[in-house]
Amino acid sequence: MVRKSTRARLPESPDDTIRRALVTGRAQRHDADGRPIHVPTIPELRAAWEVMGSELLAEHVCTDPGTRPWGWWRFEAPRPLPFHDWPLHVDYGQVESRDVNRPDDRAQRAFLDAHGLLTDDERLAMVAGA
Protein backbone atom coordinates (compact mmCIF):
# COMPACT_ATOMS: atom_id res chain seq x y z
CA MET A 1 0.00 0.00 0.00
CA VAL A 2 1.33 3.43 -0.94
CA ARG A 3 1.15 5.96 1.84
CA LYS A 4 0.64 9.59 1.07
CA SER A 5 3.13 11.87 2.77
CA THR A 6 1.60 13.96 5.51
CA ARG A 7 4.45 16.49 5.47
CA ALA A 8 3.39 19.90 4.29
CA ARG A 9 5.01 21.11 1.11
CA LEU A 10 7.32 24.04 1.45
CA PRO A 11 5.99 27.14 -0.24
CA GLU A 12 7.73 28.10 -3.43
CA SER A 13 10.42 30.70 -2.88
CA PRO A 14 10.28 34.04 -4.70
CA ASP A 15 13.48 33.04 -6.54
CA ASP A 16 11.80 29.88 -7.86
CA THR A 17 8.80 31.89 -9.06
CA ILE A 18 11.00 34.45 -10.80
CA ARG A 19 13.24 31.77 -12.29
CA ARG A 20 10.22 29.91 -13.73
CA ALA A 21 8.80 33.13 -15.15
CA LEU A 22 12.12 34.05 -16.80
CA VAL A 23 12.46 30.63 -18.42
CA THR A 24 8.87 29.84 -19.41
CA GLY A 25 7.02 33.15 -19.37
CA ARG A 26 4.60 31.70 -16.83
CA ALA A 27 3.81 32.82 -13.31
CA GLN A 28 1.35 31.17 -10.94
CA ARG A 29 -0.99 32.99 -8.60
CA HIS A 30 -1.15 30.04 -6.18
CA ASP A 31 1.05 27.08 -5.28
CA ALA A 32 -0.09 23.43 -5.39
CA ASP A 33 -1.64 23.81 -1.93
CA GLY A 34 -3.56 26.95 -2.88
CA ARG A 35 -1.31 29.40 -1.04
CA PRO A 36 -0.92 32.76 -2.81
CA ILE A 37 2.37 33.41 -4.57
CA HIS A 38 3.70 36.86 -5.43
CA VAL A 39 3.44 37.37 -9.18
CA PRO A 40 6.57 39.24 -10.26
CA THR A 41 6.21 42.49 -12.16
CA ILE A 42 7.99 43.18 -15.45
CA PRO A 43 10.45 45.58 -13.73
CA GLU A 44 11.23 42.87 -11.13
CA LEU A 45 11.74 40.34 -13.92
CA ARG A 46 13.98 42.74 -15.86
CA ALA A 47 16.14 43.27 -12.76
CA ALA A 48 16.29 39.52 -12.13
CA TRP A 49 17.24 38.86 -15.77
CA GLU A 50 20.16 41.28 -15.40
CA VAL A 51 21.39 39.22 -12.45
CA MET A 52 20.70 35.65 -13.56
CA GLY A 53 20.06 35.91 -17.30
CA SER A 54 23.49 34.61 -18.37
CA GLU A 55 23.12 31.52 -16.19
CA LEU A 56 19.55 30.83 -17.33
CA LEU A 57 20.49 31.33 -20.98
CA ALA A 58 23.43 28.91 -20.72
CA GLU A 59 21.23 26.26 -19.05
CA HIS A 60 18.47 26.74 -21.62
CA VAL A 61 20.78 26.51 -24.64
CA CYS A 62 22.17 23.20 -23.31
CA THR A 63 18.73 21.64 -22.87
CA ASP A 64 16.86 23.25 -25.77
CA PRO A 65 19.37 24.36 -28.44
CA GLY A 66 18.12 26.76 -31.05
CA THR A 67 15.61 28.41 -28.72
CA ARG A 68 15.78 31.00 -25.99
CA PRO A 69 14.00 31.45 -22.65
CA TRP A 70 11.21 33.97 -22.20
CA GLY A 71 13.47 36.51 -20.44
CA TRP A 72 15.88 36.62 -23.36
CA TRP A 73 13.07 37.29 -25.84
CA ARG A 74 11.58 39.93 -23.57
CA PHE A 75 14.73 41.78 -22.52
CA GLU A 76 17.55 41.03 -24.98
CA ALA A 77 16.28 39.95 -28.41
CA PRO A 78 16.89 42.34 -31.28
CA ARG A 79 13.73 44.07 -32.45
CA PRO A 80 11.48 43.75 -34.34
CA LEU A 81 10.54 40.17 -33.54
CA PRO A 82 9.25 38.06 -36.43
CA PHE A 83 6.37 36.74 -34.32
CA HIS A 84 3.88 38.13 -31.83
CA ASP A 85 5.06 39.31 -28.45
CA TRP A 86 5.34 36.52 -25.89
CA PRO A 87 3.62 38.11 -22.87
CA LEU A 88 3.96 36.91 -19.30
CA HIS A 89 1.12 34.46 -18.68
CA VAL A 90 -0.35 34.34 -15.17
CA ASP A 91 -1.92 31.01 -14.21
CA TYR A 92 -4.89 31.18 -11.89
CA GLY A 93 -4.99 27.41 -11.42
CA GLN A 94 -2.45 24.64 -11.77
CA VAL A 95 0.45 25.06 -14.15
CA GLU A 96 -0.22 23.59 -17.57
CA SER A 97 2.44 21.42 -19.15
CA ARG A 98 2.90 23.58 -22.23
CA ASP A 99 4.20 27.11 -22.61
CA VAL A 100 1.37 29.48 -23.44
CA ASN A 101 2.08 31.66 -26.48
CA ARG A 102 5.59 30.25 -26.85
CA PRO A 103 6.98 31.01 -30.30
CA ASP A 104 7.39 27.97 -32.51
CA ASP A 105 10.87 26.40 -32.24
CA ARG A 106 11.33 26.67 -36.01
CA ALA A 107 10.58 30.41 -35.93
CA GLN A 108 12.98 30.89 -33.02
CA ARG A 109 15.78 29.03 -34.83
CA ALA A 110 15.24 30.96 -38.06
CA PHE A 111 15.36 34.28 -36.21
CA LEU A 112 18.45 33.33 -34.22
CA ASP A 113 20.20 32.03 -37.35
CA ALA A 114 19.34 35.14 -39.38
CA HIS A 115 20.83 37.34 -36.64
CA GLY A 116 23.96 35.20 -36.16
CA LEU A 117 22.95 34.28 -32.60
CA LEU A 118 23.26 30.48 -32.76
CA THR A 119 26.44 29.12 -31.21
CA ASP A 120 28.55 26.44 -32.89
CA ASP A 121 27.58 24.05 -30.07
CA GLU A 122 23.89 24.73 -30.72
CA ARG A 123 24.32 24.04 -34.42
CA LEU A 124 26.06 20.73 -33.67
CA ALA A 125 23.39 19.75 -31.14
CA MET A 126 20.60 20.55 -33.60
CA VAL A 127 22.25 18.47 -36.35
CA ALA A 128 22.78 15.58 -33.92
CA GLY A 129 19.17 15.82 -32.71
CA ALA A 130 17.66 15.97 -36.20
C-alpha atoms as a PDB file:
ATOM      1  CA  MET A   1       0.000   0.000   0.000  1.00  0.00           C
ATOM      2  CA  VAL A   2       1.331   3.428  -0.944  1.00  0.00           C
ATOM      3  CA  ARG A   3       1.153   5.961   1.837  1.00  0.00           C
ATOM      4  CA  LYS A   4       0.643   9.591   1.074  1.00  0.00           C
ATOM      5  CA  SER A   5       3.125  11.872   2.766  1.00  0.00           C
ATOM      6  CA  THR A   6       1.599  13.964   5.509  1.00  0.00           C
ATOM      7  CA  ARG A   7       4.448  16.488   5.466  1.00  0.00           C
ATOM      8  CA  ALA A   8       3.395  19.897   4.287  1.00  0.00           C
ATOM      9  CA  ARG A   9       5.009  21.107   1.108  1.00  0.00           C
ATOM     10  CA  LEU A  10       7.324  24.035   1.452  1.00  0.00           C
ATOM     11  CA  PRO A  11       5.988  27.140  -0.235  1.00  0.00           C
ATOM     12  CA  GLU A  12       7.731  28.096  -3.434  1.00  0.00           C
ATOM     13  CA  SER A  13      10.422  30.696  -2.883  1.00  0.00           C
ATOM     14  CA  PRO A  14      10.285  34.035  -4.697  1.00  0.00           C
ATOM     15  CA  ASP A  15      13.481  33.035  -6.537  1.00  0.00           C
ATOM     16  CA  ASP A  16      11.797  29.875  -7.860  1.00  0.00           C
ATOM     17  CA  THR A  17       8.805  31.888  -9.059  1.00  0.00           C
ATOM     18  CA  ILE A  18      10.995  34.451 -10.796  1.00  0.00           C
ATOM     19  CA  ARG A  19      13.240  31.771 -12.294  1.00  0.00           C
ATOM     20  CA  ARG A  20      10.222  29.911 -13.729  1.00  0.00           C
ATOM     21  CA  ALA A  21       8.802  33.134 -15.155  1.00  0.00           C
ATOM     22  CA  LEU A  22      12.122  34.052 -16.799  1.00  0.00           C
ATOM     23  CA  VAL A  23      12.456  30.631 -18.416  1.00  0.00           C
ATOM     24  CA  THR A  24       8.869  29.841 -19.405  1.00  0.00           C
ATOM     25  CA  GLY A  25       7.023  33.147 -19.370  1.00  0.00           C
ATOM     26  CA  ARG A  26       4.600  31.698 -16.830  1.00  0.00           C
ATOM     27  CA  ALA A  27       3.808  32.825 -13.311  1.00  0.00           C
ATOM     28  CA  GLN A  28       1.353  31.172 -10.937  1.00  0.00           C
ATOM     29  CA  ARG A  29      -0.988  32.991  -8.598  1.00  0.00           C
ATOM     30  CA  HIS A  30      -1.149  30.039  -6.179  1.00  0.00           C
ATOM     31  CA  ASP A  31       1.054  27.081  -5.280  1.00  0.00           C
ATOM     32  CA  ALA A  32      -0.089  23.432  -5.393  1.00  0.00           C
ATOM     33  CA  ASP A  33      -1.641  23.814  -1.925  1.00  0.00           C
ATOM     34  CA  GLY A  34      -3.562  26.951  -2.875  1.00  0.00           C
ATOM     35  CA  ARG A  35      -1.310  29.397  -1.040  1.00  0.00           C
ATOM     36  CA  PRO A  36      -0.925  32.761  -2.813  1.00  0.00           C
ATOM     37  CA  ILE A  37       2.366  33.407  -4.572  1.00  0.00           C
ATOM     38  CA  HIS A  38       3.698  36.858  -5.432  1.00  0.00           C
ATOM     39  CA  VAL A  39       3.442  37.369  -9.181  1.00  0.00           C
ATOM     40  CA  PRO A  40       6.569  39.238 -10.258  1.00  0.00           C
ATOM     41  CA  THR A  41       6.207  42.489 -12.162  1.00  0.00           C
ATOM     42  CA  ILE A  42       7.986  43.178 -15.453  1.00  0.00           C
ATOM     43  CA  PRO A  43      10.448  45.581 -13.731  1.00  0.00           C
ATOM     44  CA  GLU A  44      11.225  42.871 -11.134  1.00  0.00           C
ATOM     45  CA  LEU A  45      11.737  40.338 -13.917  1.00  0.00           C
ATOM     46  CA  ARG A  46      13.976  42.736 -15.863  1.00  0.00           C
ATOM     47  CA  ALA A  47      16.145  43.273 -12.759  1.00  0.00           C
ATOM     48  CA  ALA A  48      16.286  39.524 -12.127  1.00  0.00           C
ATOM     49  CA  TRP A  49      17.240  38.863 -15.771  1.00  0.00           C
ATOM     50  CA  GLU A  50      20.155  41.279 -15.397  1.00  0.00           C
ATOM     51  CA  VAL A  51      21.390  39.216 -12.447  1.00  0.00           C
ATOM     52  CA  MET A  52      20.696  35.653 -13.563  1.00  0.00           C
ATOM     53  CA  GLY A  53      20.058  35.914 -17.301  1.00  0.00           C
ATOM     54  CA  SER A  54      23.488  34.612 -18.374  1.00  0.00           C
ATOM     55  CA  GLU A  55      23.123  31.520 -16.192  1.00  0.00           C
ATOM     56  CA  LEU A  56      19.547  30.832 -17.333  1.00  0.00           C
ATOM     57  CA  LEU A  57      20.488  31.332 -20.982  1.00  0.00           C
ATOM     58  CA  ALA A  58      23.428  28.910 -20.718  1.00  0.00           C
ATOM     59  CA  GLU A  59      21.235  26.259 -19.049  1.00  0.00           C
ATOM     60  CA  HIS A  60      18.475  26.742 -21.619  1.00  0.00           C
ATOM     61  CA  VAL A  61      20.781  26.507 -24.638  1.00  0.00           C
ATOM     62  CA  CYS A  62      22.165  23.200 -23.311  1.00  0.00           C
ATOM     63  CA  THR A  63      18.731  21.645 -22.867  1.00  0.00           C
ATOM     64  CA  ASP A  64      16.857  23.251 -25.767  1.00  0.00           C
ATOM     65  CA  PRO A  65      19.365  24.356 -28.437  1.00  0.00           C
ATOM     66  CA  GLY A  66      18.120  26.762 -31.050  1.00  0.00           C
ATOM     67  CA  THR A  67      15.612  28.407 -28.721  1.00  0.00           C
ATOM     68  CA  ARG A  68      15.783  30.996 -25.988  1.00  0.00           C
ATOM     69  CA  PRO A  69      14.002  31.450 -22.653  1.00  0.00           C
ATOM     70  CA  TRP A  70      11.213  33.968 -22.200  1.00  0.00           C
ATOM     71  CA  GLY A  71      13.467  36.511 -20.445  1.00  0.00           C
ATOM     72  CA  TRP A  72      15.879  36.617 -23.365  1.00  0.00           C
ATOM     73  CA  TRP A  73      13.066  37.287 -25.841  1.00  0.00           C
ATOM     74  CA  ARG A  74      11.578  39.928 -23.575  1.00  0.00           C
ATOM     75  CA  PHE A  75      14.731  41.782 -22.515  1.00  0.00           C
ATOM     76  CA  GLU A  76      17.554  41.028 -24.985  1.00  0.00           C
ATOM     77  CA  ALA A  77      16.279  39.949 -28.405  1.00  0.00           C
ATOM     78  CA  PRO A  78      16.886  42.339 -31.277  1.00  0.00           C
ATOM     79  CA  ARG A  79      13.730  44.073 -32.450  1.00  0.00           C
ATOM     80  CA  PRO A  80      11.480  43.753 -34.339  1.00  0.00           C
ATOM     81  CA  LEU A  81      10.537  40.174 -33.541  1.00  0.00           C
ATOM     82  CA  PRO A  82       9.254  38.060 -36.430  1.00  0.00           C
ATOM     83  CA  PHE A  83       6.371  36.741 -34.320  1.00  0.00           C
ATOM     84  CA  HIS A  84       3.881  38.132 -31.834  1.00  0.00           C
ATOM     85  CA  ASP A  85       5.061  39.309 -28.450  1.00  0.00           C
ATOM     86  CA  TRP A  86       5.335  36.524 -25.891  1.00  0.00           C
ATOM     87  CA  PRO A  87       3.617  38.108 -22.865  1.00  0.00           C
ATOM     88  CA  LEU A  88       3.956  36.909 -19.295  1.00  0.00           C
ATOM     89  CA  HIS A  89       1.117  34.457 -18.676  1.00  0.00           C
ATOM     90  CA  VAL A  90      -0.351  34.336 -15.165  1.00  0.00           C
ATOM     91  CA  ASP A  91      -1.917  31.007 -14.206  1.00  0.00           C
ATOM     92  CA  TYR A  92      -4.892  31.181 -11.886  1.00  0.00           C
ATOM     93  CA  GLY A  93      -4.989  27.413 -11.419  1.00  0.00           C
ATOM     94  CA  GLN A  94      -2.454  24.638 -11.773  1.00  0.00           C
ATOM     95  CA  VAL A  95       0.454  25.055 -14.150  1.00  0.00           C
ATOM     96  CA  GLU A  96      -0.222  23.591 -17.572  1.00  0.00           C
ATOM     97  CA  SER A  97       2.440  21.417 -19.150  1.00  0.00           C
ATOM     98  CA  ARG A  98       2.904  23.583 -22.234  1.00  0.00           C
ATOM     99  CA  ASP A  99       4.196  27.110 -22.607  1.00  0.00           C
ATOM    100  CA  VAL A 100       1.375  29.480 -23.438  1.00  0.00           C
ATOM    101  CA  ASN A 101       2.079  31.664 -26.482  1.00  0.00           C
ATOM    102  CA  ARG A 102       5.595  30.252 -26.846  1.00  0.00           C
ATOM    103  CA  PRO A 103       6.977  31.005 -30.300  1.00  0.00           C
ATOM    104  CA  ASP A 104       7.391  27.971 -32.505  1.00  0.00           C
ATOM    105  CA  ASP A 105      10.874  26.403 -32.238  1.00  0.00           C
ATOM    106  CA  ARG A 106      11.332  26.674 -36.007  1.00  0.00           C
ATOM    107  CA  ALA A 107      10.577  30.406 -35.925  1.00  0.00           C
ATOM    108  CA  GLN A 108      12.983  30.893 -33.024  1.00  0.00           C
ATOM    109  CA  ARG A 109      15.779  29.027 -34.830  1.00  0.00           C
ATOM    110  CA  ALA A 110      15.236  30.956 -38.065  1.00  0.00           C
ATOM    111  CA  PHE A 111      15.360  34.283 -36.215  1.00  0.00           C
ATOM    112  CA  LEU A 112      18.451  33.325 -34.224  1.00  0.00           C
ATOM    113  CA  ASP A 113      20.195  32.032 -37.347  1.00  0.00           C
ATOM    114  CA  ALA A 114      19.344  35.144 -39.379  1.00  0.00           C
ATOM    115  CA  HIS A 115      20.829  37.338 -36.641  1.00  0.00           C
ATOM    116  CA  GLY A 116      23.959  35.198 -36.161  1.00  0.00           C
ATOM    117  CA  LEU A 117      22.945  34.284 -32.601  1.00  0.00           C
ATOM    118  CA  LEU A 118      23.263  30.484 -32.764  1.00  0.00           C
ATOM    119  CA  THR A 119      26.442  29.124 -31.211  1.00  0.00           C
ATOM    120  CA  ASP A 120      28.546  26.442 -32.892  1.00  0.00           C
ATOM    121  CA  ASP A 121      27.584  24.046 -30.072  1.00  0.00           C
ATOM    122  CA  GLU A 122      23.895  24.727 -30.720  1.00  0.00           C
ATOM    123  CA  ARG A 123      24.315  24.038 -34.424  1.00  0.00           C
ATOM    124  CA  LEU A 124      26.059  20.734 -33.674  1.00  0.00           C
ATOM    125  CA  ALA A 125      23.388  19.749 -31.136  1.00  0.00           C
ATOM    126  CA  MET A 126      20.601  20.551 -33.597  1.00  0.00           C
ATOM    127  CA  VAL A 127      22.248  18.475 -36.350  1.00  0.00           C
ATOM    128  CA  ALA A 128      22.780  15.579 -33.917  1.00  0.00           C
ATOM    129  CA  GLY A 129      19.170  15.815 -32.709  1.00  0.00           C
ATOM    130  CA  ALA A 130      17.664  15.968 -36.195  1.00  0.00           C
END
